[in-house]
Protein backbone atom coordinates (compact mmCIF):
# COMPACT_ATOMS: atom_id res chain seq x y z
CA MET A 1 -13.22 -35.78 30.56
CA TYR A 2 -11.92 -35.54 26.34
CA SER A 3 -15.59 -35.04 25.67
CA THR A 4 -16.03 -32.37 27.84
CA ALA A 5 -12.37 -30.45 26.29
CA VAL A 6 -13.81 -31.58 22.65
CA LEU A 7 -16.78 -29.96 23.50
CA CYS A 8 -16.06 -27.11 25.14
CA LEU A 9 -13.33 -26.08 21.89
CA GLY A 10 -16.10 -26.70 19.65
CA LEU A 11 -18.32 -23.80 21.57
CA LEU A 12 -15.99 -21.31 21.85
CA ALA A 13 -15.41 -22.00 17.70
CA SER A 14 -18.59 -21.99 17.40
CA LEU A 15 -18.96 -18.33 19.49
CA ALA A 16 -15.87 -16.96 17.39
CA GLN A 17 -17.52 -18.17 13.57
CA GLY A 18 -20.92 -16.22 15.31
CA ALA A 19 -19.07 -13.31 16.77
CA ALA A 20 -17.43 -12.90 12.92
CA PHE A 21 -20.85 -13.52 11.33
CA ASN A 22 -22.30 -10.93 13.42
CA LYS A 23 -19.50 -8.15 12.97
CA HIS A 24 -19.65 -8.53 8.93
CA ALA A 25 -23.66 -8.66 9.27
CA ALA A 26 -23.28 -5.40 10.75
CA LEU A 27 -20.83 -4.06 8.29
CA GLU A 28 -23.08 -5.30 5.58
CA ASP A 29 -25.66 -2.98 6.83
CA CYS A 30 -23.81 -0.17 8.17
CA LEU A 31 -22.79 0.17 4.40
CA SER A 32 -26.40 -0.70 2.83
CA GLY A 33 -27.48 1.82 5.11
CA SER A 34 -24.83 4.51 3.85
CA SER A 35 -25.38 5.64 0.34
CA THR A 36 -22.07 3.86 -0.60
CA LEU A 37 -22.27 1.25 -2.98
CA VAL A 38 -20.91 -2.17 -2.74
CA ASP A 39 -19.83 -4.67 -4.70
CA GLU A 40 -21.95 -7.70 -4.54
CA VAL A 41 -20.03 -10.87 -3.76
CA GLY A 42 -19.72 -12.87 -7.14
CA SER A 43 -20.54 -9.76 -9.53
CA ASP A 44 -18.78 -8.60 -12.61
CA ASP A 45 -17.48 -5.74 -10.53
CA TYR A 46 -16.52 -7.45 -7.07
CA ASN A 47 -14.30 -10.54 -9.50
CA ARG A 48 -12.99 -7.39 -11.70
CA ASP A 49 -11.74 -5.46 -8.23
CA ILE A 50 -10.37 -8.69 -6.43
CA THR A 51 -8.31 -9.37 -9.16
CA PRO A 52 -4.41 -8.82 -8.00
CA PHE A 53 -2.10 -7.69 -10.52
CA ASN A 54 0.34 -10.27 -8.67
CA LYS A 55 -1.46 -13.42 -8.93
CA ARG A 56 0.86 -14.99 -5.92
CA LEU A 57 -1.27 -12.55 -3.35
CA GLN A 58 -5.09 -13.03 -3.45
CA PHE A 59 -6.44 -11.44 -0.56
CA LEU A 60 -10.17 -11.56 0.33
CA PRO A 61 -11.89 -8.52 1.65
CA ALA A 62 -14.42 -7.99 4.06
CA ALA A 63 -16.14 -6.02 1.49
CA ILE A 64 -15.98 -4.03 -1.54
CA ALA A 65 -17.26 -0.22 -1.26
CA VAL A 66 -17.52 1.54 -4.51
CA PRO A 67 -18.03 5.33 -4.03
CA THR A 68 -18.77 7.94 -6.58
CA THR A 69 -18.40 10.95 -3.97
CA VAL A 70 -16.54 12.30 -1.26
CA GLU A 71 -19.59 11.89 0.98
CA GLN A 72 -19.95 8.43 0.00
CA ILE A 73 -16.10 7.68 0.30
CA GLN A 74 -16.81 9.41 4.10
CA SER A 75 -19.50 6.73 4.93
CA ALA A 76 -18.03 4.03 4.28
CA VAL A 77 -14.84 4.73 6.21
CA ALA A 78 -17.12 5.54 8.82
CA CYS A 79 -18.88 2.23 9.03
CA GLY A 80 -15.15 0.52 9.18
CA SER A 81 -14.05 2.73 11.84
CA LYS A 82 -16.75 2.27 13.91
CA LEU A 83 -16.87 -1.62 13.67
CA GLY A 84 -13.21 -2.43 13.88
CA TYR A 85 -12.06 -2.89 10.49
CA LYS A 86 -8.68 -2.01 8.52
CA VAL A 87 -9.90 0.37 5.74
CA THR A 88 -7.91 0.19 2.60
CA ALA A 89 -8.12 2.83 -0.58
CA LYS A 90 -7.80 0.78 -3.95
CA CYS A 91 -6.97 2.87 -7.37
CA GLY A 92 -4.84 1.25 -9.74
CA GLY A 93 -4.21 -2.62 -8.32
CA HIS A 94 -1.02 -2.46 -9.53
CA SER A 95 0.40 -2.74 -6.22
CA TYR A 96 3.59 -5.69 -6.37
CA ALA A 97 2.26 -7.03 -2.77
CA SER A 98 -1.35 -6.70 -3.52
CA LEU A 99 -1.96 -3.54 -0.95
CA GLY A 100 -4.41 -2.67 -2.41
CA LEU A 101 -6.55 -5.54 -1.77
CA GLY A 102 -4.62 -4.75 2.00
CA GLY A 103 -1.61 -6.77 1.76
CA GLU A 104 -3.72 -9.52 3.94
CA ASP A 105 -7.58 -11.10 4.31
CA GLY A 106 -10.54 -8.91 6.15
CA HIS A 107 -9.94 -5.00 4.77
CA LEU A 108 -12.55 -3.09 4.06
CA ILE A 109 -11.56 -1.70 0.74
CA ILE A 110 -12.64 1.45 -0.59
CA GLU A 111 -12.28 1.23 -4.56
CA LEU A 112 -11.95 4.70 -6.12
CA ASP A 113 -11.33 3.94 -9.85
CA ARG A 114 -15.25 5.07 -10.96
CA MET A 115 -13.75 8.43 -9.48
CA ASN A 116 -11.78 9.39 -11.96
CA SER A 117 -12.65 13.35 -13.39
CA VAL A 118 -9.55 15.43 -14.92
CA LYS A 119 -10.50 19.09 -15.00
CA LEU A 120 -7.94 21.36 -16.31
CA ASP A 121 -7.87 25.01 -15.55
CA THR A 122 -6.94 26.57 -18.78
CA GLU A 123 -5.94 29.93 -17.13
CA THR A 124 -3.76 28.61 -14.06
CA ASN A 125 -2.93 25.23 -15.96
CA ILE A 126 -4.01 23.35 -12.65
CA ALA A 127 -5.90 20.63 -13.05
CA THR A 128 -8.20 19.13 -10.17
CA VAL A 129 -8.12 15.31 -10.41
CA GLN A 130 -10.05 12.83 -8.74
CA SER A 131 -8.07 10.19 -7.03
CA GLY A 132 -9.33 6.88 -8.62
CA THR A 133 -7.84 8.02 -11.69
CA ARG A 134 -5.43 5.94 -14.00
CA LEU A 135 -2.08 7.36 -15.32
CA GLY A 136 -2.96 7.00 -19.09
CA HIS A 137 -6.62 8.86 -18.35
CA LEU A 138 -4.75 11.45 -16.45
CA ALA A 139 -2.61 11.66 -19.75
CA ALA A 140 -5.02 11.78 -21.93
CA GLU A 141 -7.26 14.22 -20.38
CA LEU A 142 -4.39 16.66 -19.49
CA PHE A 143 -3.31 17.14 -23.55
CA ALA A 144 -6.90 16.85 -24.77
CA GLN A 145 -8.01 19.61 -22.46
CA GLY A 146 -4.96 22.29 -22.56
CA ASN A 147 -2.06 20.23 -24.47
CA ARG A 148 -0.46 19.75 -20.80
CA ALA A 149 0.95 17.16 -18.97
CA ILE A 150 2.90 15.92 -15.59
CA SER A 151 5.61 13.35 -14.90
CA HIS A 152 4.64 10.22 -14.15
CA GLY A 153 5.05 6.58 -15.06
CA THR A 154 4.51 4.57 -18.23
CA CYS A 155 1.89 2.12 -17.27
CA PRO A 156 -1.32 3.48 -18.17
CA GLY A 157 -3.76 1.40 -16.10
CA VAL A 158 -1.21 2.21 -12.76
CA GLY A 159 -3.41 4.52 -10.56
CA ILE A 160 -2.53 8.23 -9.75
CA SER A 161 -3.05 7.69 -5.55
CA GLY A 162 -0.55 4.92 -5.19
CA HIS A 163 2.01 5.98 -7.73
CA VAL A 164 2.24 10.07 -6.67
CA LEU A 165 1.69 9.08 -3.06
CA HIS A 166 5.10 7.30 -3.00
CA GLY A 167 6.85 9.08 -5.21
CA GLY A 168 6.12 8.68 -9.04
CA PHE A 169 9.10 8.10 -11.43
CA GLY A 170 9.07 7.41 -15.21
CA MET A 171 10.26 8.29 -18.27
CA SER A 172 10.03 12.08 -17.92
CA SER A 173 11.47 12.09 -14.68
CA HIS A 174 14.88 13.27 -14.70
CA SER A 175 13.86 16.19 -17.23
CA ARG A 176 10.64 16.96 -15.02
CA GLY A 177 11.00 15.32 -11.42
CA LEU A 178 8.62 12.93 -10.30
CA ALA A 179 5.02 12.88 -9.96
CA LEU A 180 4.55 13.91 -6.69
CA ASP A 181 6.55 16.63 -7.62
CA TRP A 182 3.57 18.19 -9.51
CA VAL A 183 1.48 18.43 -6.60
CA LYS A 184 -0.06 21.49 -5.45
CA GLY A 185 -2.56 20.70 -2.88
CA MET A 186 -4.52 17.51 -1.70
CA GLU A 187 -8.06 16.69 -0.15
CA VAL A 188 -7.91 14.13 1.71
CA LEU A 189 -9.97 12.09 4.49
CA LEU A 190 -8.61 11.43 7.60
CA ALA A 191 -9.29 8.71 10.20
CA ASN A 192 -11.29 10.90 12.63
CA GLY A 193 -13.90 11.30 9.56
CA SER A 194 -12.37 15.05 8.97
CA LEU A 195 -11.97 16.41 5.18
CA ILE A 196 -8.97 18.90 5.39
CA HIS A 197 -7.31 20.56 2.32
CA THR A 198 -3.20 20.16 2.33
CA SER A 199 -0.68 22.13 0.56
CA ALA A 200 2.59 23.53 0.76
CA THR A 201 1.00 26.39 3.30
CA GLU A 202 -2.02 24.91 4.78
CA ASN A 203 -1.89 21.69 6.90
CA LYS A 204 2.19 21.38 5.96
CA GLU A 205 3.27 18.59 7.85
CA VAL A 206 0.06 16.49 6.10
CA TYR A 207 1.53 17.56 3.15
CA TRP A 208 4.91 16.76 3.84
CA GLY A 209 3.82 13.08 5.18
CA LEU A 210 1.21 12.69 2.30
CA LEU A 211 3.81 13.12 -0.24
CA GLY A 212 6.22 10.24 0.15
CA ALA A 213 3.82 8.38 2.41
CA GLY A 214 0.44 9.19 1.86
CA SER A 215 -1.27 5.66 1.98
CA ASN A 216 -0.44 5.72 5.84
CA PHE A 217 -2.40 8.75 6.85
CA GLY A 218 -5.73 8.93 4.70
CA ILE A 219 -7.38 8.81 1.71
CA VAL A 220 -7.11 11.70 -0.69
CA THR A 221 -9.94 12.31 -2.67
CA SER A 222 -8.86 14.63 -5.05
CA TYR A 223 -5.33 16.17 -6.61
CA GLU A 224 -4.45 19.46 -7.47
CA LEU A 225 -1.65 19.35 -10.08
CA ASP A 226 0.54 22.09 -11.53
CA THR A 227 1.25 21.28 -15.27
CA PHE A 228 3.92 21.88 -17.92
CA GLU A 229 3.46 22.59 -21.98
CA PRO A 230 5.19 18.81 -23.36
CA PRO A 231 7.29 19.35 -26.27
CA ALA A 232 6.34 19.07 -29.46
CA ASN A 233 8.28 16.13 -30.66
CA VAL A 234 10.22 13.43 -28.61
CA THR A 235 12.21 10.41 -29.31
CA TRP A 236 12.05 7.12 -28.39
CA PHE A 237 14.83 4.53 -28.51
CA VAL A 238 16.93 1.60 -27.75
CA ALA A 239 20.92 1.10 -27.62
CA SER A 240 22.20 -2.73 -27.45
CA VAL A 241 24.77 -2.78 -24.80
CA PRO A 242 26.65 -6.35 -25.19
CA LEU A 243 28.68 -6.30 -21.88
CA LYS A 244 30.81 -9.17 -20.81
CA GLN A 245 31.69 -10.48 -17.36
CA ASN A 246 35.23 -8.78 -17.44
CA THR A 247 33.75 -5.91 -19.37
CA THR A 248 30.73 -5.44 -16.89
CA VAL A 249 32.35 -3.23 -13.85
CA ALA A 250 34.08 -0.94 -16.53
CA ALA A 251 30.57 -0.42 -18.17
CA LEU A 252 28.73 0.14 -15.00
CA GLU A 253 31.22 2.78 -13.75
CA GLY A 254 31.23 4.41 -17.24
CA ILE A 255 27.14 4.77 -17.03
CA GLU A 256 27.46 5.81 -13.42
CA ASP A 257 29.99 8.78 -14.36
CA TYR A 258 27.50 9.89 -17.41
CA VAL A 259 24.06 9.83 -15.44
CA ARG A 260 26.18 11.70 -12.17
CA ASN A 261 27.66 14.41 -14.39
CA THR A 262 27.09 14.50 -18.34
CA MET A 263 23.61 13.43 -18.53
CA PRO A 264 21.25 16.14 -20.21
CA SER A 265 18.33 17.07 -18.62
CA GLU A 266 16.34 16.07 -21.80
CA LEU A 267 17.36 12.54 -21.54
CA ASN A 268 15.36 10.17 -19.67
CA MET A 269 17.14 6.56 -19.85
CA ARG A 270 17.28 3.17 -17.60
CA LEU A 271 19.35 -0.09 -18.70
CA TYR A 272 16.92 -2.93 -18.90
CA ALA A 273 18.69 -6.88 -18.86
CA THR A 274 17.17 -10.32 -19.13
CA ARG A 275 19.51 -13.52 -19.51
CA GLN A 276 18.80 -12.65 -22.85
CA PHE A 277 20.31 -9.44 -23.73
CA THR A 278 20.77 -6.06 -22.31
CA GLN A 279 20.21 -2.71 -23.21
CA LEU A 280 19.49 0.85 -22.85
CA GLU A 281 15.73 2.36 -23.38
CA GLY A 282 13.90 5.54 -22.77
CA VAL A 283 13.03 8.80 -24.37
CA TYR A 284 14.69 12.45 -25.72
CA GLN A 285 12.70 15.06 -25.40
CA GLY A 286 13.93 16.71 -28.67
CA ASN A 287 14.95 15.27 -32.08
CA LYS A 288 16.89 11.94 -33.21
CA THR A 289 20.20 14.11 -33.84
CA GLU A 290 19.87 15.84 -30.86
CA LEU A 291 19.34 12.24 -29.17
CA GLU A 292 22.62 11.21 -31.01
CA ALA A 293 24.76 14.02 -30.09
CA ALA A 294 23.66 13.19 -26.26
CA LEU A 295 24.28 9.31 -26.23
CA LYS A 296 27.42 9.51 -28.41
CA PRO A 297 29.56 9.93 -25.45
CA LEU A 298 27.84 7.24 -23.29
CA LEU A 299 27.65 4.80 -26.20
CA SER A 300 31.69 5.14 -27.26
CA LYS A 301 32.46 4.62 -23.69
CA ILE A 302 30.63 1.16 -23.48
CA GLY A 303 30.65 0.05 -26.64
CA GLY A 304 26.92 0.45 -27.27
CA THR A 305 25.29 1.18 -30.72
CA LEU A 306 21.65 2.46 -31.03
CA ALA A 307 19.40 0.38 -32.50
CA ALA A 308 15.82 1.65 -33.03
CA SER A 309 14.55 5.19 -32.58
CA GLN A 310 11.61 7.12 -33.79
CA THR A 311 10.61 11.01 -33.23
CA THR A 312 7.26 11.40 -32.54
CA THR A 313 4.50 13.36 -30.90
CA TRP A 314 4.21 13.63 -27.25
CA ILE A 315 1.10 11.26 -26.76
CA LYS A 316 2.30 8.61 -29.45
CA GLY A 317 5.89 8.25 -27.55
CA LEU A 318 3.36 7.98 -24.00
CA GLU A 319 1.68 5.64 -26.07
CA HIS A 320 4.86 3.61 -27.25
CA PHE A 321 6.25 2.80 -23.75
CA ALA A 322 2.27 1.85 -22.29
CA THR A 323 2.42 -0.82 -25.31
CA VAL A 324 -1.77 -0.87 -25.00
CA LYS A 325 -4.25 1.46 -24.89
CA LEU A 326 -3.17 4.89 -23.10
CA ASN A 327 -6.71 6.13 -22.13
CA GLN A 328 -7.54 3.40 -19.58
CA THR A 329 -10.62 3.95 -16.88
CA TYR A 330 -13.32 1.74 -15.55
CA PRO A 331 -14.05 -1.02 -16.12
CA TYR A 332 -10.37 -1.85 -16.10
CA ASN A 333 -9.25 -5.66 -16.34
CA GLN A 334 -5.92 -6.33 -14.49
CA VAL A 335 -3.45 -7.90 -16.48
CA GLN A 336 -2.21 -10.51 -14.01
CA GLU A 337 1.28 -11.88 -13.44
CA GLN A 338 2.89 -14.38 -10.76
CA PHE A 339 6.57 -12.61 -9.83
CA TYR A 340 8.78 -11.46 -7.21
CA GLY A 341 9.51 -8.04 -7.12
CA LYS A 342 12.33 -6.17 -5.07
CA SER A 343 14.03 -2.31 -5.46
CA LEU A 344 17.07 -0.71 -4.22
CA GLU A 345 17.98 2.92 -4.62
CA LEU A 346 21.69 3.52 -4.54
CA THR A 347 24.08 6.65 -4.39
CA GLY A 348 25.90 4.60 -7.23
CA LEU A 349 27.27 1.39 -8.04
CA ASN A 350 31.20 0.98 -9.36
CA GLY A 351 33.78 -1.29 -7.30
CA THR A 352 33.24 -3.75 -5.30
CA ALA A 353 29.66 -3.06 -5.47
CA ALA A 354 29.58 -3.09 -8.85
CA LYS A 355 32.14 -6.05 -9.14
CA ASN A 356 29.68 -8.57 -6.80
CA PHE A 357 26.61 -7.26 -9.16
CA ALA A 358 28.40 -8.48 -12.23
CA ASP A 359 29.36 -11.35 -10.87
CA TYR A 360 26.38 -12.68 -9.59
CA TRP A 361 24.72 -11.70 -12.91
CA PHE A 362 26.85 -13.48 -15.58
CA ASN A 363 27.54 -16.36 -12.73
CA VAL A 364 24.69 -17.14 -11.32
CA ALA A 365 21.54 -15.60 -12.80
CA LYS A 366 22.82 -16.22 -16.56
CA GLN A 367 22.24 -20.04 -15.50
CA GLU A 368 18.67 -18.95 -14.33
CA THR A 369 15.81 -20.18 -16.77
CA ALA A 370 12.76 -18.54 -15.32
CA HIS A 371 11.65 -15.22 -16.47
CA TRP A 372 13.86 -12.52 -15.30
CA TYR A 373 14.84 -8.78 -15.58
CA ILE A 374 16.45 -6.22 -13.86
CA GLN A 375 15.75 -2.79 -14.40
CA MET A 376 17.89 0.62 -13.59
CA ASP A 377 16.34 3.45 -13.64
CA PHE A 378 18.51 7.12 -14.00
CA HIS A 379 17.02 8.68 -11.16
CA GLY A 380 19.58 11.30 -10.07
CA GLY A 381 22.37 13.18 -11.64
CA LYS A 382 23.40 16.91 -11.86
CA ASN A 383 21.22 17.93 -14.21
CA SER A 384 17.82 15.72 -13.00
CA ALA A 385 14.92 17.40 -11.79
CA VAL A 386 14.60 14.95 -8.73
CA TRP A 387 17.71 16.11 -7.19
CA LYS A 388 17.05 19.75 -8.28
CA ALA A 389 14.09 19.84 -6.56
CA ASP A 390 13.53 20.72 -2.42
CA PRO A 391 14.45 17.44 -0.59
CA ASP A 392 12.24 18.66 2.32
CA LEU A 393 8.92 19.45 0.95
CA THR A 394 7.90 15.93 0.84
CA SER A 395 8.89 12.90 2.63
CA TYR A 396 10.03 10.62 0.04
CA ALA A 397 13.14 9.98 1.38
CA HIS A 398 15.70 8.76 -1.07
CA ARG A 399 15.73 11.55 -3.51
CA ASP A 400 19.93 11.56 -2.94
CA LYS A 401 19.75 8.38 -4.81
CA LEU A 402 21.06 8.04 -8.61
CA TYR A 403 19.39 4.46 -9.01
CA ILE A 404 16.34 3.04 -8.40
CA LEU A 405 17.21 -0.89 -9.24
CA GLN A 406 14.35 -3.15 -9.36
CA PHE A 407 15.07 -7.13 -9.90
CA TYR A 408 11.85 -9.19 -11.07
CA ILE A 409 11.50 -12.89 -11.60
CA SER A 410 8.50 -15.09 -12.23
CA THR A 411 7.54 -17.56 -9.58
CA THR A 412 5.01 -19.84 -11.19
CA ASP A 413 6.54 -22.99 -10.81
CA THR A 414 9.24 -22.52 -7.71
CA PRO A 415 8.35 -19.11 -5.77
CA GLU A 416 10.75 -19.86 -2.89
CA THR A 417 13.59 -20.23 -5.71
CA GLY A 418 12.38 -16.83 -7.13
CA PHE A 419 12.65 -15.43 -2.99
CA ASP A 420 16.42 -17.00 -2.69
CA PHE A 421 17.48 -15.30 -6.61
CA VAL A 422 16.58 -12.07 -6.20
CA ASN A 423 17.30 -11.66 -2.20
CA GLY A 424 20.64 -13.12 -3.40
CA TRP A 425 21.60 -10.36 -6.29
CA ALA A 426 20.29 -7.71 -3.99
CA SER A 427 22.59 -8.91 -0.91
CA ALA A 428 25.45 -9.39 -3.64
CA THR A 429 25.21 -5.65 -4.39
CA THR A 430 24.57 -3.87 -1.03
CA SER A 431 27.23 -5.95 0.49
CA ALA A 432 30.09 -3.58 0.12
CA LEU A 433 27.78 -0.64 0.78
CA LYS A 434 27.20 1.82 3.63
CA ALA A 435 23.63 1.64 5.39
CA SER A 436 23.32 5.39 4.14
CA ASP A 437 24.22 4.26 0.37
CA TRP A 438 20.95 2.52 0.09
CA GLY A 439 17.61 1.79 0.21
CA MET A 440 14.23 0.81 -1.43
CA TYR A 441 11.55 2.45 -3.62
CA PHE A 442 8.00 1.90 -1.78
CA ASN A 443 6.57 1.43 -4.84
CA TYR A 444 7.59 -2.01 -6.11
CA PRO A 445 7.39 -3.14 -2.21
CA ASP A 446 8.73 -6.26 -0.80
CA THR A 447 6.98 -9.05 0.49
CA GLN A 448 10.27 -10.58 2.10
CA LEU A 449 10.47 -7.87 4.48
CA ASN A 450 9.02 -7.66 8.02
CA ARG A 451 7.20 -4.30 9.32
CA THR A 452 10.24 -3.01 10.96
CA LYS A 453 13.02 -3.71 7.78
CA ALA A 454 10.57 -2.00 5.66
CA GLN A 455 9.52 1.04 7.12
CA GLU A 456 13.54 1.50 7.82
CA MET A 457 13.97 1.08 4.31
CA TYR A 458 11.22 2.87 2.54
CA TRP A 459 11.52 6.05 5.02
CA GLY A 460 14.93 6.01 6.46
CA LYS A 461 15.40 9.49 8.29
CA ASN A 462 12.26 10.54 7.44
CA LEU A 463 10.81 7.47 9.79
CA PRO A 464 10.52 9.12 13.17
CA ARG A 465 9.21 12.39 12.41
CA LEU A 466 6.39 9.92 10.29
CA GLN A 467 5.87 8.01 13.20
CA LYS A 468 4.97 11.08 15.07
CA LEU A 469 2.57 12.02 12.11
CA LYS A 470 0.89 8.40 12.57
CA ALA A 471 0.32 8.35 15.88
CA GLU A 472 -1.50 12.08 15.36
CA LEU A 473 -3.08 11.45 12.46
CA ASP A 474 -4.48 7.67 13.45
CA PRO A 475 -3.40 6.28 16.30
CA ASN A 476 -5.61 3.19 16.02
CA GLU A 477 -4.12 2.69 12.37
CA LEU A 478 -7.39 2.29 11.34
CA PHE A 479 -5.54 2.73 7.54
CA TYR A 480 -3.04 -0.22 8.15
CA TYR A 481 -1.20 -2.65 6.21
CA PRO A 482 1.07 -5.46 6.59
CA VAL A 483 4.06 -2.91 6.26
CA SER A 484 2.51 0.19 6.95
CA VAL A 485 4.07 3.44 9.19
CA SER A 486 3.63 2.43 12.90
CA PRO A 487 2.66 5.14 15.21
CA GLU A 488 4.99 6.67 17.53
CA THR A 489 4.58 5.06 20.88
CA SER A 490 4.40 7.64 24.04
CA PRO A 491 6.85 7.74 26.57
CA GLU A 492 4.40 6.80 29.35
CA LEU A 493 3.50 3.91 27.65
CA LEU A 494 7.27 2.74 27.30
């Protein structure tokens, strides 16, 4: 009897393995029968494309398709859909949760980074940009082709698609808004295989959903971006802020008052701290004299001093924050880290919340020897372009927040300790806040959130509308990952 049971179990396992093999073979056949190139397992391209930014999260895809045309994207997605594979678009590959690799094993990956054309129309100043473009390449090409720019993040290897479709904050956002605020139109491939154009006047609901939650609804193949003429000169700077536990709450409240009411639109800045030091860093769109005048009321109030600054060109300013070569294309060799990151978007940080934050900082974080940092980006304020943009035009849910606060810790030795450290700090900060006073930023995805909590944190009040759109565009969740927007459940199925 025991032997028969073992035989049956072995037979079932063999059948399951055979079915999986046959399914994978069918995928290989489908992809080879299309015009799409596919990374050969073990090749340099495969090893490069499978490399995650976060070494803690390495996933094995079913296959990696490498299109160079829209038609090839369509044919690859059709193969995944027909054979029951989840399909994931990958552009830059910098997701903290390895979502570009599906966030789990077994996805069909559409590697887009060979599609990186940037073409500026010098009459309209509209740029048509393929969806596999990296931020550094975009910046370099816009500047070279017509002395133009958009607002975007600082890391040149980050892909435009993940960045833009979920916000896109960077060192010109206070002056010029989020990256998604510069998107005038998009070509997007939907789950049903159709390719549509979206804008504020065409397929408006899809346009709204893509700009804030875009990874959930399809694969954008190209963007039309409005652009601006960058300032001739910018001044990057670092200011030292020697905080103590008994002065930190007052300093945080002084910073909040400044950011909310005084910080000029030309100034872009964040608070950055490690166990060893705390500083303000950023860039002013103007010269050093203007920078010093802008910073003086804040530094006088919190006891800070300007430690370094330099006036330079727009491109040199981008290179300063990039720290590596700006113009990044294919092949791109991923720099890896092993870490846990978490974000909060906050309407403010004062009173009890500021005290809880400071107490954890000095009583717990200062004792932690693993490498960690916090970064608090100054996102809003009355002079911020982020706040001035129409909040109803996109599904970005946290435009009303003053800060984007990021916690980061290396988890090379003890991942669980790192989780506890970061989550403890975040919980201490939010424990005194109302639910409406905080959320999370999708571009720093948190691997410790379940799907229900993640959707609530990332998309807030916009979630019901996004779930309805998901049900209309992708009810079978072809474009799925572990914390993706779930489709609205039809009343008749409840």
